[in-house]
C-alpha cells in the first residue's frame, strides 16, 4: 500500500469515527431533550442542583405559557379563551413587539396573567456579545414595564449560553420550553 492510499485510508477512518461520534451525540441529545426519560431527568437534577427542572405537586395543575407575543390577532383570541375558562397563563413577550402593541401588554397584565421577558428580538442569542445580550434584556424589561417578582426570562428558541443565564445583577428565573409537559425547566438566578 503506497503512502497516498494509506493516508486516504486513515482519513476515511477518521471521518467514519467522527460520523459515529456525531450520531451518538445527536441520538443522546434527542433522547434527553426530546423524549426526556425520567432516569435522565433525575440524573440532570442531581448533576445540577441549582436548576429546577420540575416542581413536584399532588395538585391537578397545568402551567400554560405563550411565547413570541404579543400578536395583534392571536393574543386577543388567547386572552378571550383564558377569560372564558377563568384560567391564567404566563406570556413571554418579545420587546420590540411589546413596544408595538402596548395595549395588548396592558390587557395581559390587567387580566392578572404573568409576563416574562422573551428577549428584544425573536432571534438566536448565540451571536450576541455579553453587552448586547444584556442590552436586549433591559430593552425588553422597559418595553413590558414593571412586573412582579420573580422576573421570568425565556431565551428565544429555549437556548442561550450558560454565561448569559448567570447574570448576577438580575433577579430572574430562567424558564425553558420543550415538546411536552415534562420539559419545562427553570433556572433561578442569583440575585444581589
N, C-alpha and C. Protein backbone atom coordinates (compact mmCIF):
# COMPACT_ATOMS: atom_id res chain seq x y z
N UNK A 1 0.86 -1.17 0.00
CA UNK A 1 0.00 0.00 0.00
C UNK A 1 0.90 1.22 0.00
N UNK A 2 0.69 2.15 -0.95
CA UNK A 2 1.50 3.36 -1.05
C UNK A 2 1.14 4.36 0.03
N UNK A 3 1.98 5.38 0.15
CA UNK A 3 1.78 6.41 1.17
C UNK A 3 0.47 7.15 0.97
N UNK A 4 0.12 7.48 -0.28
CA UNK A 4 -1.11 8.24 -0.53
C UNK A 4 -2.35 7.41 -0.23
N UNK A 5 -2.35 6.13 -0.58
CA UNK A 5 -3.53 5.30 -0.30
C UNK A 5 -3.66 5.03 1.21
N UNK A 6 -2.52 4.91 1.93
CA UNK A 6 -2.57 4.72 3.38
C UNK A 6 -3.13 5.98 4.05
N UNK A 7 -2.72 7.17 3.57
CA UNK A 7 -3.23 8.42 4.10
C UNK A 7 -4.72 8.55 3.83
N UNK A 8 -5.15 8.22 2.62
CA UNK A 8 -6.57 8.26 2.28
C UNK A 8 -7.35 7.31 3.17
N UNK A 9 -6.82 6.13 3.44
CA UNK A 9 -7.48 5.14 4.28
C UNK A 9 -7.63 5.68 5.71
N UNK A 10 -6.57 6.30 6.25
CA UNK A 10 -6.63 6.85 7.61
C UNK A 10 -7.61 8.01 7.70
N UNK A 11 -7.63 8.86 6.67
CA UNK A 11 -8.60 9.97 6.67
C UNK A 11 -10.01 9.41 6.64
N UNK A 12 -10.22 8.39 5.88
CA UNK A 12 -11.53 7.74 5.83
C UNK A 12 -11.94 7.18 7.18
N UNK A 13 -11.00 6.57 7.90
CA UNK A 13 -11.29 6.05 9.22
C UNK A 13 -11.65 7.18 10.19
N UNK A 14 -10.93 8.29 10.09
CA UNK A 14 -11.21 9.43 10.96
C UNK A 14 -12.59 10.01 10.68
N UNK A 15 -12.94 10.10 9.41
CA UNK A 15 -14.27 10.61 9.05
C UNK A 15 -15.37 9.69 9.57
N UNK A 16 -15.17 8.39 9.45
CA UNK A 16 -16.15 7.43 9.95
C UNK A 16 -16.27 7.56 11.47
N UNK A 17 -15.12 7.68 12.15
CA UNK A 17 -15.14 7.85 13.60
C UNK A 17 -15.90 9.12 14.00
N UNK A 18 -15.63 10.23 13.33
CA UNK A 18 -16.32 11.49 13.61
C UNK A 18 -17.81 11.38 13.32
N UNK A 19 -18.16 10.69 12.26
CA UNK A 19 -19.56 10.50 11.91
C UNK A 19 -20.28 9.69 12.99
N UNK A 20 -19.65 8.64 13.47
CA UNK A 20 -20.25 7.82 14.53
C UNK A 20 -20.38 8.62 15.81
N UNK A 21 -19.34 9.37 16.17
CA UNK A 21 -19.41 10.21 17.38
C UNK A 21 -20.52 11.23 17.26
N UNK A 22 -20.64 11.85 16.09
CA UNK A 22 -21.70 12.84 15.88
C UNK A 22 -23.08 12.20 16.01
N UNK A 23 -23.24 11.02 15.46
CA UNK A 23 -24.53 10.33 15.55
C UNK A 23 -24.86 9.99 17.00
N UNK A 24 -23.87 9.60 17.79
CA UNK A 24 -24.11 9.29 19.20
C UNK A 24 -24.52 10.55 19.95
N UNK A 25 -23.86 11.67 19.69
CA UNK A 25 -24.21 12.93 20.35
C UNK A 25 -25.63 13.35 19.98
N UNK A 26 -25.98 13.28 18.71
CA UNK A 26 -27.32 13.66 18.26
C UNK A 26 -28.37 12.73 18.88
N UNK A 27 -28.10 11.45 18.89
CA UNK A 27 -29.05 10.50 19.48
C UNK A 27 -29.22 10.75 20.97
N UNK A 28 -28.13 11.03 21.66
CA UNK A 28 -28.21 11.33 23.10
C UNK A 28 -29.02 12.58 23.33
N UNK A 29 -28.73 13.63 22.55
CA UNK A 29 -29.49 14.88 22.67
C UNK A 29 -30.97 14.62 22.45
N UNK A 30 -31.29 13.85 21.41
CA UNK A 30 -32.69 13.55 21.11
C UNK A 30 -33.37 12.86 22.28
N UNK A 31 -32.73 11.85 22.83
CA UNK A 31 -33.33 11.10 23.94
C UNK A 31 -33.50 11.98 25.16
N UNK A 32 -32.47 12.75 25.51
CA UNK A 32 -32.51 13.54 26.73
C UNK A 32 -33.45 14.73 26.61
N UNK A 33 -33.38 15.47 25.51
CA UNK A 33 -34.13 16.72 25.43
C UNK A 33 -35.47 16.60 24.73
N UNK A 34 -35.68 15.58 23.96
CA UNK A 34 -36.98 15.45 23.28
C UNK A 34 -37.85 14.44 24.01
N UNK A 35 -37.35 13.25 24.19
CA UNK A 35 -38.11 12.21 24.86
C UNK A 35 -38.05 12.40 26.38
N UNK A 36 -36.92 12.81 26.86
CA UNK A 36 -36.65 13.10 28.26
C UNK A 36 -37.12 12.00 29.21
N UNK A 37 -36.48 10.88 29.18
CA UNK A 37 -36.86 9.81 30.11
C UNK A 37 -36.61 10.26 31.54
N UNK A 38 -37.42 9.78 32.46
CA UNK A 38 -37.31 10.20 33.85
C UNK A 38 -35.94 9.91 34.44
N UNK A 39 -35.31 8.82 34.01
CA UNK A 39 -33.98 8.50 34.52
C UNK A 39 -33.00 9.61 34.17
N UNK A 40 -33.02 10.09 32.93
CA UNK A 40 -32.13 11.18 32.52
C UNK A 40 -32.47 12.46 33.28
N UNK A 41 -33.75 12.71 33.48
CA UNK A 41 -34.17 13.91 34.20
C UNK A 41 -33.66 13.87 35.64
N UNK A 42 -33.78 12.73 36.28
CA UNK A 42 -33.27 12.59 37.65
C UNK A 42 -31.76 12.80 37.70
N UNK A 43 -31.06 12.30 36.69
CA UNK A 43 -29.61 12.46 36.62
C UNK A 43 -29.26 13.96 36.50
N UNK A 44 -29.94 14.68 35.62
CA UNK A 44 -29.67 16.11 35.48
C UNK A 44 -30.00 16.88 36.75
N UNK A 45 -31.05 16.47 37.45
CA UNK A 45 -31.39 17.13 38.71
C UNK A 45 -30.28 16.96 39.74
N UNK A 46 -29.63 15.80 39.74
CA UNK A 46 -28.53 15.56 40.69
C UNK A 46 -27.27 16.30 40.27
N UNK A 47 -26.99 16.32 38.99
CA UNK A 47 -25.77 16.97 38.49
C UNK A 47 -25.87 18.49 38.63
N UNK A 48 -27.04 19.04 38.46
CA UNK A 48 -27.23 20.49 38.51
C UNK A 48 -28.29 20.84 39.55
N UNK A 49 -27.93 20.79 40.83
CA UNK A 49 -28.92 21.02 41.87
C UNK A 49 -29.45 22.46 41.90
N UNK A 50 -28.75 23.40 41.26
CA UNK A 50 -29.21 24.78 41.22
C UNK A 50 -30.27 25.02 40.16
N UNK A 51 -30.57 24.02 39.35
CA UNK A 51 -31.56 24.15 38.28
C UNK A 51 -32.84 23.42 38.68
N UNK A 52 -33.95 24.10 38.52
CA UNK A 52 -35.24 23.48 38.80
C UNK A 52 -35.81 22.97 37.48
N UNK A 53 -35.91 21.67 37.35
CA UNK A 53 -36.42 21.07 36.11
C UNK A 53 -37.91 20.82 36.17
N UNK A 54 -38.44 20.63 37.36
CA UNK A 54 -39.86 20.37 37.54
C UNK A 54 -40.22 20.68 38.99
N UNK A 55 -41.48 20.89 39.22
CA UNK A 55 -41.95 21.17 40.57
C UNK A 55 -42.94 20.08 40.94
N UNK A 56 -42.56 19.19 41.84
CA UNK A 56 -43.47 18.12 42.23
C UNK A 56 -44.70 18.69 42.95
N UNK A 57 -45.85 18.18 42.61
CA UNK A 57 -47.08 18.61 43.27
C UNK A 57 -48.10 17.47 43.20
N UNK A 58 -48.95 17.44 44.19
CA UNK A 58 -50.05 16.47 44.18
C UNK A 58 -51.32 17.11 43.63
N UNK A 59 -51.26 18.40 43.35
CA UNK A 59 -52.43 19.12 42.83
C UNK A 59 -52.58 18.89 41.34
N UNK A 60 -53.79 18.84 40.86
CA UNK A 60 -54.01 18.68 39.41
C UNK A 60 -53.83 20.04 38.70
N UNK A 61 -52.59 20.39 38.38
CA UNK A 61 -52.28 21.68 37.80
C UNK A 61 -51.69 21.55 36.41
N UNK A 62 -51.93 22.57 35.61
CA UNK A 62 -51.29 22.70 34.31
C UNK A 62 -50.78 24.13 34.23
N UNK A 63 -49.52 24.30 33.86
CA UNK A 63 -48.95 25.63 33.68
C UNK A 63 -48.96 25.97 32.20
N UNK A 64 -49.67 27.03 31.85
CA UNK A 64 -49.74 27.46 30.45
C UNK A 64 -48.79 28.61 30.21
N UNK A 65 -48.07 28.57 29.11
CA UNK A 65 -47.24 29.70 28.73
C UNK A 65 -47.33 29.89 27.22
N UNK A 66 -47.22 31.15 26.84
CA UNK A 66 -47.30 31.53 25.43
C UNK A 66 -46.10 32.40 25.10
N UNK A 67 -45.41 32.07 24.03
CA UNK A 67 -44.20 32.78 23.62
C UNK A 67 -44.45 33.65 22.40
N UNK A 68 -43.49 34.55 22.16
CA UNK A 68 -43.37 35.32 20.92
C UNK A 68 -44.42 36.40 20.73
N UNK A 69 -45.13 36.77 21.76
CA UNK A 69 -46.13 37.81 21.62
C UNK A 69 -45.58 39.15 22.05
N UNK A 70 -46.47 40.12 22.13
CA UNK A 70 -47.88 39.99 21.79
C UNK A 70 -48.09 40.02 20.28
N UNK A 71 -49.13 39.33 19.84
CA UNK A 71 -49.51 39.27 18.43
C UNK A 71 -50.89 39.91 18.30
N UNK A 72 -51.09 40.79 17.32
CA UNK A 72 -52.35 41.53 17.25
C UNK A 72 -53.58 40.67 17.00
N UNK A 73 -53.43 39.50 16.41
CA UNK A 73 -54.57 38.62 16.14
C UNK A 73 -54.70 37.54 17.21
N UNK A 74 -53.62 36.84 17.47
CA UNK A 74 -53.69 35.65 18.31
C UNK A 74 -53.75 35.95 19.80
N UNK A 75 -53.03 36.97 20.26
CA UNK A 75 -53.04 37.26 21.70
C UNK A 75 -54.44 37.60 22.20
N UNK A 76 -55.22 38.47 21.51
CA UNK A 76 -56.59 38.71 21.99
C UNK A 76 -57.45 37.46 22.01
N UNK A 77 -57.28 36.59 21.01
CA UNK A 77 -58.05 35.34 20.97
C UNK A 77 -57.70 34.46 22.17
N UNK A 78 -56.41 34.34 22.47
CA UNK A 78 -55.97 33.53 23.61
C UNK A 78 -56.49 34.13 24.90
N UNK A 79 -56.41 35.45 25.04
CA UNK A 79 -56.90 36.11 26.26
C UNK A 79 -58.40 35.88 26.45
N UNK A 80 -59.15 35.92 25.37
CA UNK A 80 -60.60 35.66 25.46
C UNK A 80 -60.89 34.23 25.92
N UNK A 81 -60.15 33.28 25.38
CA UNK A 81 -60.34 31.87 25.77
C UNK A 81 -59.98 31.67 27.24
N UNK A 82 -58.85 32.24 27.65
CA UNK A 82 -58.44 32.12 29.06
C UNK A 82 -59.47 32.75 29.98
N UNK A 83 -60.03 33.88 29.59
CA UNK A 83 -61.04 34.55 30.42
C UNK A 83 -62.31 33.70 30.54
N UNK A 84 -62.73 33.11 29.42
CA UNK A 84 -63.93 32.25 29.44
C UNK A 84 -63.78 31.09 30.41
N UNK A 85 -62.57 30.60 30.56
CA UNK A 85 -62.32 29.44 31.42
C UNK A 85 -61.71 29.82 32.77
N UNK A 86 -61.67 31.10 33.05
CA UNK A 86 -61.11 31.60 34.31
C UNK A 86 -59.73 31.00 34.55
N UNK A 87 -58.89 31.03 33.51
CA UNK A 87 -57.55 30.44 33.57
C UNK A 87 -56.50 31.55 33.47
N UNK A 88 -55.36 31.29 34.05
CA UNK A 88 -54.23 32.22 34.00
C UNK A 88 -53.08 31.56 33.26
N UNK A 89 -52.22 32.39 32.69
CA UNK A 89 -51.07 31.89 31.93
C UNK A 89 -49.91 32.87 32.10
N UNK A 90 -48.77 32.45 31.59
CA UNK A 90 -47.60 33.32 31.53
C UNK A 90 -47.33 33.63 30.07
N UNK A 91 -47.18 34.90 29.77
CA UNK A 91 -46.90 35.36 28.41
C UNK A 91 -45.46 35.85 28.34
N UNK A 92 -44.63 35.17 27.55
CA UNK A 92 -43.25 35.59 27.34
C UNK A 92 -43.23 36.49 26.11
N UNK A 93 -42.97 37.78 26.36
CA UNK A 93 -43.13 38.79 25.33
C UNK A 93 -41.79 39.22 24.73
N UNK A 94 -41.82 39.43 23.43
CA UNK A 94 -40.67 39.95 22.70
C UNK A 94 -40.72 41.47 22.80
N UNK A 95 -39.61 42.08 23.18
CA UNK A 95 -39.57 43.51 23.46
C UNK A 95 -40.06 44.39 22.34
N UNK A 96 -39.57 44.18 21.11
CA UNK A 96 -39.98 45.05 20.01
C UNK A 96 -41.47 44.91 19.71
N UNK A 97 -42.04 43.75 19.95
CA UNK A 97 -43.49 43.57 19.77
C UNK A 97 -44.27 44.20 20.91
N UNK A 98 -43.70 44.14 22.12
CA UNK A 98 -44.36 44.78 23.27
C UNK A 98 -44.44 46.29 23.06
N UNK A 99 -43.41 46.87 22.45
CA UNK A 99 -43.45 48.31 22.15
C UNK A 99 -44.51 48.62 21.10
N UNK A 100 -44.64 47.75 20.13
CA UNK A 100 -45.59 47.97 19.03
C UNK A 100 -47.03 47.78 19.49
N UNK A 101 -47.28 46.88 20.44
CA UNK A 101 -48.64 46.54 20.87
C UNK A 101 -48.79 46.75 22.37
N UNK A 102 -48.54 47.96 22.81
CA UNK A 102 -48.60 48.28 24.25
C UNK A 102 -49.97 47.98 24.86
N UNK A 103 -51.03 48.18 24.08
CA UNK A 103 -52.38 47.93 24.62
C UNK A 103 -52.58 46.45 24.94
N UNK A 104 -51.94 45.57 24.19
CA UNK A 104 -52.05 44.13 24.48
C UNK A 104 -51.26 43.77 25.74
N UNK A 105 -50.11 44.40 25.93
CA UNK A 105 -49.33 44.17 27.16
C UNK A 105 -50.17 44.60 28.35
N UNK A 106 -50.81 45.76 28.24
CA UNK A 106 -51.66 46.26 29.34
C UNK A 106 -52.83 45.32 29.59
N UNK A 107 -53.41 44.78 28.51
CA UNK A 107 -54.54 43.86 28.67
C UNK A 107 -54.11 42.56 29.34
N UNK A 108 -52.95 42.05 28.97
CA UNK A 108 -52.43 40.82 29.59
C UNK A 108 -52.26 41.02 31.08
N UNK A 109 -51.64 42.12 31.45
CA UNK A 109 -51.39 42.40 32.87
C UNK A 109 -52.70 42.66 33.62
N UNK A 110 -53.61 43.42 33.00
CA UNK A 110 -54.89 43.74 33.66
C UNK A 110 -55.70 42.49 33.95
N UNK A 111 -55.53 41.45 33.12
CA UNK A 111 -56.26 40.20 33.32
C UNK A 111 -55.61 39.32 34.39
N UNK A 112 -54.48 39.76 34.92
CA UNK A 112 -53.83 39.01 36.00
C UNK A 112 -52.88 37.92 35.56
N UNK A 113 -52.46 37.96 34.32
CA UNK A 113 -51.51 36.97 33.81
C UNK A 113 -50.08 37.40 34.14
N UNK A 114 -49.17 36.44 34.21
CA UNK A 114 -47.76 36.75 34.39
C UNK A 114 -47.17 37.16 33.06
N UNK A 115 -46.16 38.02 33.13
CA UNK A 115 -45.46 38.47 31.93
C UNK A 115 -43.99 38.17 32.12
N UNK A 116 -43.38 37.60 31.08
CA UNK A 116 -41.96 37.30 31.13
C UNK A 116 -41.23 37.90 29.95
N UNK A 117 -39.92 37.99 30.09
CA UNK A 117 -39.03 38.56 29.09
C UNK A 117 -38.63 37.46 28.11
N UNK A 118 -38.90 37.69 26.83
CA UNK A 118 -38.55 36.72 25.79
C UNK A 118 -37.56 37.33 24.80
N UNK A 119 -36.74 38.25 25.33
CA UNK A 119 -35.70 38.92 24.57
C UNK A 119 -36.30 40.04 23.73
N UNK A 120 -35.46 40.88 23.18
CA UNK A 120 -35.96 42.04 22.45
C UNK A 120 -36.38 41.67 21.03
N UNK A 121 -35.68 40.74 20.43
CA UNK A 121 -35.99 40.28 19.07
C UNK A 121 -36.14 38.78 19.10
N UNK A 122 -36.87 38.26 18.14
CA UNK A 122 -37.04 36.82 18.04
C UNK A 122 -35.89 36.26 17.23
N UNK A 123 -34.72 36.15 17.86
CA UNK A 123 -33.51 35.69 17.18
C UNK A 123 -32.65 34.93 18.16
N UNK A 124 -31.70 34.22 17.64
CA UNK A 124 -30.77 33.47 18.48
C UNK A 124 -29.91 34.43 19.29
N UNK A 125 -29.61 34.04 20.52
CA UNK A 125 -28.75 34.85 21.37
C UNK A 125 -27.28 34.47 21.21
N UNK A 126 -26.99 33.39 20.51
CA UNK A 126 -25.63 32.86 20.45
C UNK A 126 -24.61 33.84 19.87
N UNK A 127 -24.97 34.61 18.86
CA UNK A 127 -24.01 35.53 18.24
C UNK A 127 -23.88 36.86 18.95
N UNK A 128 -24.60 37.05 20.04
CA UNK A 128 -24.60 38.33 20.73
C UNK A 128 -23.52 38.40 21.79
N UNK A 129 -22.84 39.52 21.85
CA UNK A 129 -21.86 39.74 22.92
C UNK A 129 -22.61 39.83 24.25
N UNK A 130 -21.87 39.75 25.33
CA UNK A 130 -22.50 39.86 26.64
C UNK A 130 -23.20 41.21 26.79
N UNK A 131 -22.55 42.27 26.30
CA UNK A 131 -23.14 43.62 26.41
C UNK A 131 -24.42 43.72 25.58
N UNK A 132 -24.39 43.15 24.38
CA UNK A 132 -25.58 43.19 23.52
C UNK A 132 -26.71 42.37 24.13
N UNK A 133 -26.38 41.22 24.67
CA UNK A 133 -27.37 40.37 25.32
C UNK A 133 -28.05 41.12 26.46
N UNK A 134 -27.25 41.72 27.34
CA UNK A 134 -27.80 42.45 28.47
C UNK A 134 -28.63 43.64 28.02
N UNK A 135 -28.18 44.33 26.97
CA UNK A 135 -28.94 45.47 26.43
C UNK A 135 -30.31 45.03 25.95
N UNK A 136 -30.38 43.89 25.25
CA UNK A 136 -31.67 43.37 24.76
C UNK A 136 -32.59 42.98 25.92
N UNK A 137 -32.02 42.40 26.97
CA UNK A 137 -32.84 42.07 28.14
C UNK A 137 -33.42 43.33 28.77
N UNK A 138 -32.58 44.33 28.93
CA UNK A 138 -33.02 45.58 29.55
C UNK A 138 -34.04 46.31 28.68
N UNK A 139 -33.85 46.30 27.36
CA UNK A 139 -34.82 46.92 26.46
C UNK A 139 -36.18 46.25 26.61
N UNK A 140 -36.19 44.95 26.70
CA UNK A 140 -37.45 44.23 26.83
C UNK A 140 -38.09 44.51 28.18
N UNK A 141 -37.30 44.54 29.23
CA UNK A 141 -37.86 44.85 30.54
C UNK A 141 -38.51 46.23 30.55
N UNK A 142 -37.89 47.20 29.89
CA UNK A 142 -38.50 48.53 29.80
C UNK A 142 -39.77 48.48 28.95
N UNK A 143 -39.76 47.70 27.87
CA UNK A 143 -40.91 47.62 26.97
C UNK A 143 -42.12 46.97 27.64
N UNK A 144 -41.89 45.93 28.46
CA UNK A 144 -43.03 45.25 29.09
C UNK A 144 -43.44 45.94 30.38
N UNK A 145 -42.62 46.86 30.86
CA UNK A 145 -42.98 47.63 32.04
C UNK A 145 -42.76 46.85 33.32
N UNK A 146 -43.16 47.46 34.43
CA UNK A 146 -42.93 46.82 35.73
C UNK A 146 -43.65 45.47 35.81
N UNK A 147 -42.91 44.48 36.32
CA UNK A 147 -43.50 43.17 36.55
C UNK A 147 -43.14 42.73 37.96
N UNK A 148 -43.98 41.89 38.51
CA UNK A 148 -43.77 41.42 39.87
C UNK A 148 -42.69 40.35 39.89
N UNK A 149 -42.10 40.19 41.07
CA UNK A 149 -41.08 39.15 41.26
C UNK A 149 -41.77 37.79 41.30
N UNK A 150 -41.18 36.72 40.88
CA UNK A 150 -39.87 36.73 40.26
C UNK A 150 -39.97 37.15 38.80
N UNK A 151 -38.96 37.85 38.33
CA UNK A 151 -38.90 38.18 36.91
C UNK A 151 -38.60 36.88 36.16
N UNK A 152 -39.21 36.71 35.03
CA UNK A 152 -39.03 35.49 34.24
C UNK A 152 -38.35 35.83 32.93
N UNK A 153 -37.46 34.95 32.50
CA UNK A 153 -36.81 35.09 31.19
C UNK A 153 -36.81 33.74 30.50
N UNK A 154 -37.20 33.74 29.25
CA UNK A 154 -37.12 32.54 28.42
C UNK A 154 -36.39 32.94 27.15
N UNK A 155 -35.25 32.31 26.92
CA UNK A 155 -34.44 32.64 25.74
C UNK A 155 -35.16 32.23 24.45
N UNK A 156 -34.98 33.00 23.39
CA UNK A 156 -35.59 32.62 22.11
C UNK A 156 -35.12 31.23 21.69
N UNK A 157 -36.04 30.42 21.29
CA UNK A 157 -35.69 29.05 20.91
C UNK A 157 -35.38 28.16 22.10
N UNK A 158 -35.44 28.73 23.30
CA UNK A 158 -35.20 27.95 24.50
C UNK A 158 -33.74 27.70 24.82
N UNK A 159 -32.82 28.38 24.10
CA UNK A 159 -31.40 28.14 24.33
C UNK A 159 -30.64 29.46 24.45
N UNK A 160 -29.62 29.45 25.29
CA UNK A 160 -28.72 30.58 25.46
C UNK A 160 -27.41 30.04 26.03
N UNK A 161 -26.36 30.82 25.92
CA UNK A 161 -25.09 30.42 26.51
C UNK A 161 -25.23 30.39 28.02
N UNK A 162 -24.59 29.44 28.69
CA UNK A 162 -24.67 29.40 30.15
C UNK A 162 -24.30 30.73 30.81
N UNK A 163 -23.29 31.42 30.27
CA UNK A 163 -22.89 32.70 30.86
C UNK A 163 -24.01 33.74 30.74
N UNK A 164 -24.86 33.61 29.71
CA UNK A 164 -25.96 34.54 29.53
C UNK A 164 -27.06 34.30 30.56
N UNK A 165 -27.09 33.12 31.11
CA UNK A 165 -28.12 32.79 32.09
C UNK A 165 -27.67 33.10 33.51
N UNK A 166 -26.44 33.51 33.67
CA UNK A 166 -25.92 33.70 35.01
C UNK A 166 -25.69 35.14 35.41
N UNK A 167 -26.41 36.09 34.83
CA UNK A 167 -26.19 37.48 35.19
C UNK A 167 -26.57 37.71 36.64
N UNK A 168 -25.60 37.89 37.53
CA UNK A 168 -25.92 38.05 38.95
C UNK A 168 -26.62 39.35 39.26
N UNK A 169 -26.47 40.37 38.41
CA UNK A 169 -27.11 41.64 38.72
C UNK A 169 -28.60 41.64 38.41
N UNK A 170 -29.11 40.58 37.81
CA UNK A 170 -30.54 40.49 37.53
C UNK A 170 -31.16 39.47 38.47
N UNK A 171 -32.25 39.83 39.05
CA UNK A 171 -33.01 38.85 39.83
C UNK A 171 -34.03 38.29 38.87
N UNK A 172 -33.84 37.08 38.43
CA UNK A 172 -34.77 36.50 37.47
C UNK A 172 -34.74 34.99 37.56
N UNK A 173 -35.76 34.37 37.01
CA UNK A 173 -35.82 32.93 36.88
C UNK A 173 -35.86 32.64 35.39
N UNK A 174 -34.97 31.77 34.94
CA UNK A 174 -34.95 31.39 33.53
C UNK A 174 -35.85 30.19 33.34
N UNK A 175 -36.68 30.25 32.34
CA UNK A 175 -37.54 29.12 32.03
C UNK A 175 -37.26 28.65 30.62
N UNK A 176 -37.36 27.38 30.41
CA UNK A 176 -37.13 26.80 29.11
C UNK A 176 -38.32 25.94 28.73
N UNK A 177 -38.55 25.82 27.44
CA UNK A 177 -39.69 25.06 26.97
C UNK A 177 -39.20 23.76 26.37
N UNK A 178 -40.13 22.89 26.11
CA UNK A 178 -39.82 21.63 25.48
C UNK A 178 -41.05 21.13 24.76
N UNK A 179 -40.95 19.98 24.15
CA UNK A 179 -42.05 19.47 23.33
C UNK A 179 -43.26 19.00 24.10
N UNK A 180 -43.13 18.73 25.40
CA UNK A 180 -44.29 18.29 26.16
C UNK A 180 -44.14 18.74 27.60
N UNK A 181 -45.11 18.43 28.42
CA UNK A 181 -45.19 18.98 29.76
C UNK A 181 -44.02 18.61 30.66
N UNK A 182 -43.33 17.54 30.41
CA UNK A 182 -42.22 17.14 31.27
C UNK A 182 -40.99 18.01 31.06
N UNK A 183 -40.97 18.89 30.03
CA UNK A 183 -39.72 19.54 29.68
C UNK A 183 -39.61 21.00 30.10
N UNK A 184 -40.53 21.53 30.85
CA UNK A 184 -40.38 22.89 31.31
C UNK A 184 -39.33 22.90 32.43
N UNK A 185 -38.34 23.78 32.29
CA UNK A 185 -37.24 23.85 33.26
C UNK A 185 -37.05 25.29 33.69
N UNK A 186 -36.71 25.51 34.93
CA UNK A 186 -36.45 26.85 35.44
C UNK A 186 -35.06 26.89 36.05
N UNK A 187 -34.34 27.96 35.77
CA UNK A 187 -33.03 28.16 36.37
C UNK A 187 -33.09 29.46 37.14
N UNK A 188 -33.10 29.38 38.47
CA UNK A 188 -33.11 30.63 39.23
C UNK A 188 -31.75 31.31 39.16
N UNK A 189 -31.76 32.62 39.00
CA UNK A 189 -30.52 33.39 39.02
C UNK A 189 -30.19 33.82 40.43
N UNK A 190 -28.92 33.97 40.69
CA UNK A 190 -28.50 34.52 41.97
C UNK A 190 -28.78 36.01 41.94
N UNK A 191 -29.55 36.50 42.89
CA UNK A 191 -29.86 37.92 42.95
C UNK A 191 -28.91 38.65 43.84
N UNK A 192 -28.85 39.96 43.66
CA UNK A 192 -27.97 40.77 44.51
C UNK A 192 -28.79 41.46 45.56
